[in-house]
Amino acid sequence: MPVQQQELAVNVGDGTVTAMFARPDDAWASMVVAHGAGAGMEHPFLTGFTNAMNDGGVATWRFNFPYREAGKKFPDRAPAAIATWRAVMFAAEDNAGGVPVWAAGKSFGGRMASMAVAEGMHAAGLVYLGYPLHPPGKPDKLRDEHLYGLTLPMLFLQGTRDPFALPGELEPIAVRIGPNAVVERIEGANHMFEVRGQKRSQSDIGASLAAPVLEFMRAHPPAG
């Protein structure tokens, strides 16, 4: 399937962030994907995931948060990250051609997407590639309060060895959120979705997550 790619600069406040837009012919949906705290938009995990999503007929946007754009190591505070999400989603919707636009992110990026939606950002649905429910070893410090008012479709893809949300920790929260929230566990995977005994590149690991995401998106078309 032919894919058109374009690097763009998205205005955020007084500055800009870099985004990469890729659109296959006859795209049936679009997805904005944010990176995690420790890597930018060019990380092989994200490029592998978005390439596989393109193969599945979904247009994608990858973008850098301002701290990565500036070459800094420490993530932006929530207000700056949320403002970036809003700006990129606006650009994505402006270029969507009428198809639904989903929001997704690896760890920090997904959490910031959910906070942006909780503050009014529109999205057809949310996909979390490893939700950081709490810091490792600190299950009492939950990052869940903003999730309970969200009614859009939400898929939590989580490894069974992910110390940010071990089995039995995220599932009851999804039940409390409601039937729109689904947890799907990747057996043996850690927070980077690496599985013991499987030697795979980060690109291949990211690509492997596209299938369950595409299935979830197809099962949750926009209302109306």
Protein backbone atom coordinates (compact mmCIF):
# COMPACT_ATOMS: atom_id res chain seq x y z
CA MET A 1 0.00 0.00 0.00
CA PRO A 2 1.62 3.30 -1.08
CA VAL A 3 2.32 5.63 1.84
CA GLN A 4 2.91 9.37 1.57
CA GLN A 5 5.24 10.74 4.26
CA GLN A 6 5.80 14.36 5.19
CA GLU A 7 7.81 16.04 7.94
CA LEU A 8 5.99 19.01 9.45
CA ALA A 9 6.55 21.72 12.05
CA VAL A 10 3.59 22.12 14.42
CA ASN A 11 3.18 25.39 16.30
CA VAL A 12 3.01 25.00 20.07
CA GLY A 13 2.87 28.24 22.00
CA ASP A 14 5.86 30.38 20.99
CA GLY A 15 7.75 27.45 19.44
CA THR A 16 7.33 24.45 17.19
CA VAL A 17 7.74 20.70 17.43
CA THR A 18 8.61 18.28 14.65
CA ALA A 19 6.01 15.82 13.45
CA MET A 20 6.07 13.06 10.85
CA PHE A 21 2.83 12.48 8.97
CA ALA A 22 2.32 9.26 6.99
CA ARG A 23 -0.86 8.53 5.07
CA PRO A 24 -1.61 5.39 3.06
CA ASP A 25 -4.00 5.60 0.13
CA ASP A 26 -7.63 5.18 1.21
CA ALA A 27 -6.86 5.53 4.93
CA TRP A 28 -9.89 4.61 7.04
CA ALA A 29 -8.63 6.20 10.26
CA SER A 30 -5.82 8.38 11.57
CA MET A 31 -3.77 8.03 14.75
CA VAL A 32 -1.48 10.43 16.58
CA VAL A 33 1.24 8.56 18.48
CA ALA A 34 3.39 10.09 21.22
CA HIS A 35 6.75 8.83 22.42
CA GLY A 36 7.66 7.78 25.95
CA ALA A 37 9.70 9.76 28.46
CA GLY A 38 13.08 8.35 27.47
CA ALA A 39 12.97 8.45 23.67
CA GLY A 40 11.82 10.71 20.83
CA MET A 41 9.56 10.15 17.87
CA GLU A 42 12.31 8.42 15.82
CA HIS A 43 12.68 5.53 18.27
CA PRO A 44 12.49 2.23 16.33
CA PHE A 45 9.61 1.05 18.54
CA LEU A 46 7.45 3.95 17.33
CA THR A 47 8.55 3.78 13.71
CA GLY A 48 7.88 0.04 13.64
CA PHE A 49 4.46 0.52 15.19
CA THR A 50 3.41 3.38 12.91
CA ASN A 51 4.71 1.63 9.77
CA ALA A 52 2.60 -1.40 10.65
CA MET A 53 -0.41 0.83 11.32
CA ASN A 54 0.12 2.40 7.87
CA ASP A 55 0.13 -1.11 6.39
CA GLY A 56 -3.23 -1.62 8.09
CA GLY A 57 -4.71 1.45 6.39
CA VAL A 58 -4.30 3.97 9.21
CA ALA A 59 -2.63 7.34 8.71
CA THR A 60 -0.21 8.21 11.52
CA TRP A 61 1.39 11.20 13.16
CA ARG A 62 4.54 10.92 15.28
CA PHE A 63 5.78 14.01 17.11
CA ASN A 64 8.31 15.22 19.63
CA PHE A 65 7.40 16.85 22.90
CA PRO A 66 9.18 20.21 23.41
CA TYR A 67 11.81 18.79 25.78
CA ARG A 68 12.95 16.28 23.17
CA GLU A 69 12.90 18.96 20.50
CA ALA A 70 15.25 21.00 22.71
CA GLY A 71 17.54 18.02 23.38
CA LYS A 72 16.64 17.80 27.06
CA LYS A 73 16.34 14.56 29.03
CA PHE A 74 13.61 15.35 31.53
CA PRO A 75 9.98 15.27 30.33
CA ASP A 76 7.86 18.37 30.10
CA ARG A 77 5.42 19.10 32.87
CA ALA A 78 1.84 18.12 32.17
CA PRO A 79 0.57 21.57 31.03
CA ALA A 80 3.26 21.81 28.32
CA ALA A 81 2.75 18.19 27.23
CA ILE A 82 -1.02 18.64 27.08
CA ALA A 83 -0.67 21.83 25.05
CA THR A 84 1.52 19.91 22.60
CA TRP A 85 -1.02 17.13 22.34
CA ARG A 86 -3.78 19.64 21.60
CA ALA A 87 -1.73 21.32 18.87
CA VAL A 88 -0.80 18.09 17.11
CA MET A 89 -4.33 16.69 17.35
CA PHE A 90 -5.66 19.91 15.81
CA ALA A 91 -3.21 19.53 12.92
CA ALA A 92 -4.10 15.84 12.55
CA GLU A 93 -7.83 16.52 12.45
CA ASP A 94 -7.27 19.32 9.94
CA ASN A 95 -5.54 16.82 7.64
CA ALA A 96 -7.69 13.76 8.39
CA GLY A 97 -9.96 14.02 5.37
CA GLY A 98 -12.99 13.18 7.48
CA VAL A 99 -11.74 9.91 9.00
CA PRO A 100 -11.73 9.44 12.81
CA VAL A 101 -8.55 10.50 14.62
CA TRP A 102 -7.32 8.37 17.53
CA ALA A 103 -4.71 9.25 20.16
CA ALA A 104 -2.05 6.80 21.31
CA GLY A 105 1.21 6.86 23.18
CA LYS A 106 4.00 4.89 24.74
CA SER A 107 3.95 5.21 28.54
CA PHE A 108 4.32 8.96 29.33
CA GLY A 109 2.96 9.87 25.89
CA GLY A 110 -0.21 7.85 26.40
CA ARG A 111 -0.76 9.17 29.89
CA MET A 112 -0.45 12.75 28.64
CA ALA A 113 -2.93 11.96 25.85
CA SER A 114 -5.48 10.77 28.42
CA MET A 115 -4.95 13.90 30.52
CA ALA A 116 -5.46 16.06 27.42
CA VAL A 117 -8.71 14.23 26.65
CA ALA A 118 -9.80 14.66 30.28
CA GLU A 119 -9.29 18.41 29.77
CA GLY A 120 -11.42 18.51 26.65
CA MET A 121 -9.25 17.36 23.72
CA HIS A 122 -11.30 15.42 21.19
CA ALA A 123 -10.24 11.93 20.10
CA ALA A 124 -12.11 9.00 18.58
CA GLY A 125 -10.40 6.70 21.09
CA LEU A 126 -7.27 6.19 23.17
CA VAL A 127 -4.62 3.47 22.92
CA TYR A 128 -2.04 3.05 25.68
CA LEU A 129 1.16 1.21 24.77
CA GLY A 130 2.18 0.44 28.34
CA TYR A 131 0.25 2.73 30.69
CA PRO A 132 2.41 3.97 33.63
CA LEU A 133 -0.20 3.39 36.32
CA HIS A 134 2.36 3.96 39.09
CA PRO A 135 6.13 4.22 39.49
CA PRO A 136 7.76 0.77 39.72
CA GLY A 137 7.55 -0.58 43.25
CA LYS A 138 5.11 2.15 44.35
CA PRO A 139 1.62 0.77 43.74
CA ASP A 140 0.17 3.26 46.23
CA LYS A 141 1.05 6.21 43.96
CA LEU A 142 -1.63 5.68 41.32
CA ARG A 143 -2.04 7.89 38.25
CA ASP A 144 -5.68 7.05 37.60
CA GLU A 145 -7.98 9.80 38.90
CA HIS A 146 -8.47 11.52 35.54
CA LEU A 147 -9.38 8.26 33.78
CA TYR A 148 -12.73 7.70 35.45
CA GLY A 149 -14.60 10.43 33.59
CA LEU A 150 -13.51 9.24 30.14
CA THR A 151 -16.19 7.52 28.05
CA LEU A 152 -14.39 7.09 24.72
CA PRO A 153 -13.01 3.65 23.70
CA MET A 154 -9.73 2.90 25.47
CA LEU A 155 -7.33 0.01 24.91
CA PHE A 156 -4.63 -0.65 27.49
CA LEU A 157 -1.92 -2.87 25.97
CA GLN A 158 0.25 -4.02 28.85
CA GLY A 159 2.92 -6.65 29.38
CA THR A 160 2.48 -9.21 32.16
CA ARG A 161 5.95 -8.28 33.48
CA ASP A 162 5.43 -4.51 33.33
CA PRO A 163 6.37 -3.07 36.75
CA PHE A 164 4.38 0.09 35.99
CA ALA A 165 1.13 -1.95 36.08
CA LEU A 166 1.40 -5.60 37.02
CA PRO A 167 -1.43 -8.11 36.42
CA GLY A 168 -4.29 -7.44 38.81
CA GLU A 169 -3.48 -3.73 39.19
CA LEU A 170 -4.84 -2.22 35.99
CA GLU A 171 -7.74 -4.60 35.43
CA PRO A 172 -9.93 -3.45 38.35
CA ILE A 173 -9.34 0.16 37.34
CA ALA A 174 -10.60 -0.62 33.83
CA VAL A 175 -13.71 -2.22 35.36
CA ARG A 176 -14.28 0.93 37.39
CA ILE A 177 -13.84 3.13 34.29
CA GLY A 178 -16.53 1.16 32.48
CA PRO A 179 -17.07 -1.13 29.49
CA ASN A 180 -15.32 1.33 27.16
CA ALA A 181 -11.97 0.41 28.76
CA VAL A 182 -10.27 -2.84 27.76
CA VAL A 183 -7.02 -4.30 29.11
CA GLU A 184 -5.12 -6.67 26.84
CA ARG A 185 -2.04 -8.35 28.30
CA ILE A 186 1.00 -9.36 26.27
CA GLU A 187 2.25 -12.56 27.91
CA GLY A 188 5.80 -12.31 29.28
CA ALA A 189 6.37 -8.74 28.09
CA ASN A 190 8.01 -6.00 30.15
CA HIS A 191 7.40 -2.24 29.88
CA MET A 192 9.22 -2.15 26.53
CA PHE A 193 7.20 -5.20 25.41
CA GLU A 194 10.35 -7.33 25.36
CA VAL A 195 9.65 -11.01 26.03
CA ARG A 196 12.21 -13.31 27.62
CA GLY A 197 13.67 -15.74 25.12
CA GLN A 198 12.55 -13.73 22.10
CA LYS A 199 15.27 -11.80 20.32
CA ARG A 200 13.42 -9.13 18.38
CA SER A 201 14.36 -5.62 17.35
CA GLN A 202 12.47 -2.69 18.85
CA SER A 203 11.05 -2.05 15.39
CA ASP A 204 9.65 -5.58 15.20
CA ILE A 205 8.28 -5.32 18.73
CA GLY A 206 6.47 -2.10 17.92
CA ALA A 207 5.12 -3.58 14.69
CA SER A 208 3.77 -6.61 16.56
CA LEU A 209 1.42 -4.38 18.57
CA ALA A 210 -0.37 -3.02 15.51
CA ALA A 211 -2.58 -6.09 15.03
CA PRO A 212 -4.45 -5.87 18.38
CA VAL A 213 -4.71 -2.08 18.00
CA LEU A 214 -6.20 -2.34 14.52
CA GLU A 215 -8.64 -5.00 15.72
CA PHE A 216 -9.76 -2.76 18.59
CA MET A 217 -10.17 0.28 16.31
CA ARG A 218 -12.26 -1.66 13.81
CA ALA A 219 -14.45 -2.93 16.64
CA HIS A 220 -15.06 0.63 17.87
CA PRO A 221 -16.10 2.78 14.89
CA PRO A 222 -17.17 6.34 15.65
CA ALA A 223 -20.72 6.69 16.95
CA GLY A 224 -23.27 7.81 14.40
